[in-house]
Amino acid sequence: MIAQDLRKIEAIDQAYKANRVSLAQAQQDLQSVDDNKGVLEKALAGMKEKEQSWRQVAAANPSPALDQEIRQLQGNIAALEQELGTLVERRNVSAVG
């Protein structure tokens, strides 16, 4: 979804700069990117809550398997944070605003 949104932002920016779409249309087209960003932010928050929950369980009941799951979840969280950061940065520098 993130790669697709990055391509969409680029296409909308190019269309706007070439006067193929109005500012209002470009902003409307970018709304789906903003909506997707919100979905991803909620997913990230859910992942972080899950991590905290798992950490509490692991603290009370140490388990190598659970520790491995936590490390994998942390990797997924880091990857999503990085990708989401790239999307937010690209969206913020969009010519459309």
N, C-alpha and C. Protein backbone atom coordinates (compact mmCIF):
# COMPACT_ATOMS: atom_id res chain seq x y z
N MET A 1 0.82 -1.19 0.00
CA MET A 1 0.00 0.00 0.00
C MET A 1 0.87 1.26 0.00
N ILE A 2 1.95 1.24 0.74
CA ILE A 2 2.79 2.43 0.85
C ILE A 2 3.46 2.75 -0.49
N ALA A 3 4.00 1.74 -1.14
CA ALA A 3 4.64 1.97 -2.44
C ALA A 3 3.63 2.52 -3.45
N GLN A 4 2.44 1.99 -3.41
CA GLN A 4 1.38 2.45 -4.31
C GLN A 4 1.03 3.91 -4.00
N ASP A 5 0.95 4.25 -2.72
CA ASP A 5 0.64 5.63 -2.35
C ASP A 5 1.76 6.59 -2.76
N LEU A 6 2.99 6.15 -2.64
CA LEU A 6 4.12 7.00 -3.08
C LEU A 6 4.03 7.26 -4.58
N ARG A 7 3.70 6.22 -5.34
CA ARG A 7 3.54 6.40 -6.80
C ARG A 7 2.36 7.33 -7.09
N LYS A 8 1.30 7.20 -6.33
CA LYS A 8 0.12 8.03 -6.54
C LYS A 8 0.44 9.50 -6.27
N ILE A 9 1.16 9.76 -5.19
CA ILE A 9 1.55 11.14 -4.88
C ILE A 9 2.36 11.72 -6.02
N GLU A 10 3.32 10.95 -6.51
CA GLU A 10 4.17 11.41 -7.61
C GLU A 10 3.33 11.72 -8.86
N ALA A 11 2.41 10.84 -9.19
CA ALA A 11 1.57 11.03 -10.37
C ALA A 11 0.68 12.26 -10.22
N ILE A 12 0.12 12.44 -9.04
CA ILE A 12 -0.74 13.60 -8.80
C ILE A 12 0.08 14.88 -8.87
N ASP A 13 1.26 14.88 -8.27
CA ASP A 13 2.13 16.06 -8.34
C ASP A 13 2.47 16.41 -9.79
N GLN A 14 2.81 15.40 -10.57
CA GLN A 14 3.16 15.65 -11.97
C GLN A 14 1.96 16.20 -12.74
N ALA A 15 0.80 15.63 -12.52
CA ALA A 15 -0.41 16.10 -13.21
C ALA A 15 -0.73 17.54 -12.81
N TYR A 16 -0.57 17.85 -11.53
CA TYR A 16 -0.85 19.20 -11.05
C TYR A 16 0.15 20.20 -11.62
N LYS A 17 1.42 19.85 -11.60
CA LYS A 17 2.46 20.75 -12.13
C LYS A 17 2.29 20.99 -13.62
N ALA A 18 1.75 19.99 -14.33
CA ALA A 18 1.53 20.12 -15.77
C ALA A 18 0.16 20.72 -16.09
N ASN A 19 -0.54 21.16 -15.06
CA ASN A 19 -1.87 21.77 -15.21
C ASN A 19 -2.89 20.83 -15.85
N ARG A 20 -2.73 19.53 -15.62
CA ARG A 20 -3.72 18.57 -16.12
C ARG A 20 -4.86 18.37 -15.14
N VAL A 21 -4.64 18.77 -13.88
CA VAL A 21 -5.70 18.72 -12.87
C VAL A 21 -5.65 19.99 -12.05
N SER A 22 -6.80 20.37 -11.52
CA SER A 22 -6.87 21.56 -10.68
C SER A 22 -6.34 21.23 -9.28
N LEU A 23 -6.09 22.27 -8.51
CA LEU A 23 -5.64 22.07 -7.14
C LEU A 23 -6.70 21.31 -6.35
N ALA A 24 -7.95 21.67 -6.54
CA ALA A 24 -9.04 20.99 -5.82
C ALA A 24 -9.09 19.51 -6.16
N GLN A 25 -8.93 19.20 -7.45
CA GLN A 25 -8.95 17.79 -7.87
C GLN A 25 -7.75 17.05 -7.31
N ALA A 26 -6.58 17.68 -7.33
CA ALA A 26 -5.37 17.05 -6.82
C ALA A 26 -5.51 16.78 -5.32
N GLN A 27 -6.06 17.74 -4.60
CA GLN A 27 -6.26 17.55 -3.16
C GLN A 27 -7.26 16.42 -2.89
N GLN A 28 -8.29 16.36 -3.70
CA GLN A 28 -9.27 15.29 -3.56
C GLN A 28 -8.63 13.93 -3.85
N ASP A 29 -7.79 13.89 -4.87
CA ASP A 29 -7.11 12.64 -5.22
C ASP A 29 -6.16 12.19 -4.11
N LEU A 30 -5.56 13.14 -3.43
CA LEU A 30 -4.64 12.81 -2.35
C LEU A 30 -5.35 12.37 -1.08
N GLN A 31 -6.64 12.58 -1.01
CA GLN A 31 -7.38 12.20 0.19
C GLN A 31 -7.27 10.70 0.48
N SER A 32 -7.23 9.88 -0.57
CA SER A 32 -7.11 8.44 -0.35
C SER A 32 -5.75 8.09 0.26
N VAL A 33 -4.72 8.85 -0.11
CA VAL A 33 -3.40 8.65 0.49
C VAL A 33 -3.47 9.00 1.98
N ASP A 34 -4.12 10.11 2.29
CA ASP A 34 -4.26 10.51 3.69
C ASP A 34 -5.07 9.49 4.47
N ASP A 35 -6.10 8.96 3.85
CA ASP A 35 -6.91 7.93 4.51
C ASP A 35 -6.08 6.68 4.78
N ASN A 36 -5.29 6.27 3.80
CA ASN A 36 -4.43 5.09 3.97
C ASN A 36 -3.40 5.32 5.07
N LYS A 37 -2.89 6.54 5.15
CA LYS A 37 -1.92 6.89 6.20
C LYS A 37 -2.56 6.70 7.57
N GLY A 38 -3.79 7.11 7.70
CA GLY A 38 -4.51 6.93 8.96
C GLY A 38 -4.68 5.46 9.32
N VAL A 39 -5.00 4.66 8.32
CA VAL A 39 -5.14 3.21 8.55
C VAL A 39 -3.82 2.62 9.01
N LEU A 40 -2.73 3.02 8.36
CA LEU A 40 -1.41 2.50 8.73
C LEU A 40 -1.00 2.96 10.13
N GLU A 41 -1.34 4.18 10.48
CA GLU A 41 -1.01 4.68 11.82
C GLU A 41 -1.76 3.88 12.89
N LYS A 42 -3.01 3.55 12.60
CA LYS A 42 -3.79 2.73 13.54
C LYS A 42 -3.21 1.33 13.64
N ALA A 43 -2.80 0.77 12.52
CA ALA A 43 -2.19 -0.57 12.52
C ALA A 43 -0.90 -0.54 13.33
N LEU A 44 -0.10 0.50 13.16
CA LEU A 44 1.15 0.62 13.90
C LEU A 44 0.88 0.73 15.40
N ALA A 45 -0.11 1.51 15.76
CA ALA A 45 -0.46 1.65 17.18
C ALA A 45 -0.89 0.29 17.75
N GLY A 46 -1.66 -0.47 16.98
CA GLY A 46 -2.08 -1.79 17.41
C GLY A 46 -0.91 -2.73 17.59
N MET A 47 0.05 -2.65 16.68
CA MET A 47 1.25 -3.48 16.79
C MET A 47 2.04 -3.14 18.05
N LYS A 48 2.14 -1.86 18.35
CA LYS A 48 2.87 -1.43 19.54
C LYS A 48 2.16 -1.88 20.81
N GLU A 49 0.84 -1.82 20.82
CA GLU A 49 0.09 -2.31 21.97
C GLU A 49 0.30 -3.81 22.15
N LYS A 50 0.29 -4.53 21.05
CA LYS A 50 0.52 -5.98 21.09
C LYS A 50 1.91 -6.27 21.65
N GLU A 51 2.90 -5.49 21.22
CA GLU A 51 4.26 -5.69 21.72
C GLU A 51 4.31 -5.49 23.23
N GLN A 52 3.68 -4.43 23.71
CA GLN A 52 3.68 -4.17 25.16
C GLN A 52 3.00 -5.30 25.92
N SER A 53 1.91 -5.77 25.39
CA SER A 53 1.19 -6.88 26.02
C SER A 53 2.07 -8.13 26.07
N TRP A 54 2.72 -8.43 24.96
CA TRP A 54 3.59 -9.60 24.91
C TRP A 54 4.77 -9.46 25.86
N ARG A 55 5.29 -8.24 25.98
CA ARG A 55 6.40 -8.01 26.90
C ARG A 55 5.99 -8.29 28.35
N GLN A 56 4.78 -7.89 28.68
CA GLN A 56 4.28 -8.14 30.04
C GLN A 56 4.15 -9.63 30.30
N VAL A 57 3.62 -10.34 29.31
CA VAL A 57 3.49 -11.79 29.44
C VAL A 57 4.88 -12.43 29.56
N ALA A 58 5.81 -11.98 28.74
CA ALA A 58 7.16 -12.55 28.74
C ALA A 58 7.88 -12.26 30.05
N ALA A 59 7.60 -11.11 30.64
CA ALA A 59 8.24 -10.78 31.92
C ALA A 59 7.75 -11.72 33.03
N ALA A 60 6.47 -12.07 32.97
CA ALA A 60 5.89 -12.96 33.98
C ALA A 60 6.19 -14.42 33.70
N ASN A 61 6.30 -14.77 32.42
CA ASN A 61 6.51 -16.16 32.01
C ASN A 61 7.56 -16.21 30.90
N PRO A 62 8.82 -16.14 31.25
CA PRO A 62 9.87 -16.14 30.21
C PRO A 62 9.76 -17.35 29.28
N SER A 63 9.91 -17.06 27.99
CA SER A 63 9.81 -18.10 26.98
C SER A 63 10.65 -17.70 25.76
N PRO A 64 11.58 -18.56 25.36
CA PRO A 64 12.39 -18.24 24.17
C PRO A 64 11.51 -18.06 22.92
N ALA A 65 10.46 -18.84 22.81
CA ALA A 65 9.58 -18.71 21.64
C ALA A 65 8.88 -17.36 21.64
N LEU A 66 8.41 -16.92 22.79
CA LEU A 66 7.74 -15.62 22.88
C LEU A 66 8.74 -14.49 22.65
N ASP A 67 9.95 -14.66 23.18
CA ASP A 67 10.99 -13.65 22.93
C ASP A 67 11.25 -13.50 21.44
N GLN A 68 11.27 -14.62 20.72
CA GLN A 68 11.47 -14.59 19.27
C GLN A 68 10.31 -13.88 18.58
N GLU A 69 9.11 -14.16 19.02
CA GLU A 69 7.93 -13.49 18.45
C GLU A 69 7.99 -11.98 18.69
N ILE A 70 8.43 -11.60 19.87
CA ILE A 70 8.54 -10.17 20.20
C ILE A 70 9.58 -9.51 19.30
N ARG A 71 10.72 -10.16 19.12
CA ARG A 71 11.76 -9.60 18.25
C ARG A 71 11.25 -9.46 16.81
N GLN A 72 10.51 -10.45 16.35
CA GLN A 72 9.96 -10.37 15.00
C GLN A 72 8.95 -9.23 14.90
N LEU A 73 8.11 -9.08 15.91
CA LEU A 73 7.14 -7.99 15.92
C LEU A 73 7.85 -6.65 15.95
N GLN A 74 8.92 -6.55 16.73
CA GLN A 74 9.69 -5.31 16.79
C GLN A 74 10.28 -4.97 15.42
N GLY A 75 10.74 -5.98 14.71
CA GLY A 75 11.25 -5.76 13.35
C GLY A 75 10.16 -5.26 12.42
N ASN A 76 8.98 -5.84 12.55
CA ASN A 76 7.84 -5.41 11.73
C ASN A 76 7.44 -3.97 12.07
N ILE A 77 7.47 -3.65 13.35
CA ILE A 77 7.14 -2.29 13.78
C ILE A 77 8.16 -1.30 13.20
N ALA A 78 9.43 -1.63 13.31
CA ALA A 78 10.47 -0.73 12.80
C ALA A 78 10.33 -0.53 11.30
N ALA A 79 10.04 -1.60 10.58
CA ALA A 79 9.89 -1.50 9.12
C ALA A 79 8.70 -0.62 8.76
N LEU A 80 7.58 -0.82 9.45
CA LEU A 80 6.39 -0.02 9.16
C LEU A 80 6.62 1.44 9.53
N GLU A 81 7.30 1.68 10.65
CA GLU A 81 7.60 3.06 11.04
C GLU A 81 8.44 3.75 9.97
N GLN A 82 9.42 3.04 9.45
CA GLN A 82 10.29 3.62 8.43
C GLN A 82 9.50 3.92 7.15
N GLU A 83 8.71 2.95 6.71
CA GLU A 83 7.93 3.15 5.49
C GLU A 83 6.89 4.25 5.67
N LEU A 84 6.25 4.28 6.82
CA LEU A 84 5.26 5.31 7.09
C LEU A 84 5.93 6.68 7.15
N GLY A 85 7.12 6.75 7.72
CA GLY A 85 7.86 8.00 7.76
C GLY A 85 8.19 8.51 6.37
N THR A 86 8.56 7.59 5.48
CA THR A 86 8.84 7.95 4.09
C THR A 86 7.59 8.50 3.42
N LEU A 87 6.46 7.84 3.66
CA LEU A 87 5.20 8.28 3.07
C LEU A 87 4.81 9.66 3.59
N VAL A 88 4.91 9.86 4.88
CA VAL A 88 4.55 11.15 5.48
C VAL A 88 5.46 12.26 4.96
N GLU A 89 6.75 11.97 4.87
CA GLU A 89 7.70 12.96 4.36
C GLU A 89 7.36 13.33 2.91
N ARG A 90 7.10 12.32 2.09
CA ARG A 90 6.78 12.58 0.69
C ARG A 90 5.48 13.35 0.55
N ARG A 91 4.51 12.98 1.38
CA ARG A 91 3.21 13.67 1.34
C ARG A 91 3.38 15.12 1.76
N ASN A 92 4.23 15.37 2.74
CA ASN A 92 4.43 16.74 3.24
C ASN A 92 5.12 17.65 2.22
N VAL A 93 5.92 17.08 1.34
CA VAL A 93 6.61 17.92 0.36
C VAL A 93 5.88 17.94 -1.00
N SER A 94 4.71 17.36 -1.03
CA SER A 94 3.92 17.37 -2.26
C SER A 94 3.63 18.80 -2.71
N ALA A 95 3.69 19.01 -4.00
CA ALA A 95 3.40 20.33 -4.56
C ALA A 95 1.94 20.74 -4.32
N VAL A 96 1.10 19.76 -4.09
CA VAL A 96 -0.32 20.02 -3.89
C VAL A 96 -0.58 20.55 -2.48
N GLY A 97 0.26 20.17 -1.55
CA GLY A 97 0.11 20.65 -0.17
C GLY A 97 -0.66 19.73 0.71
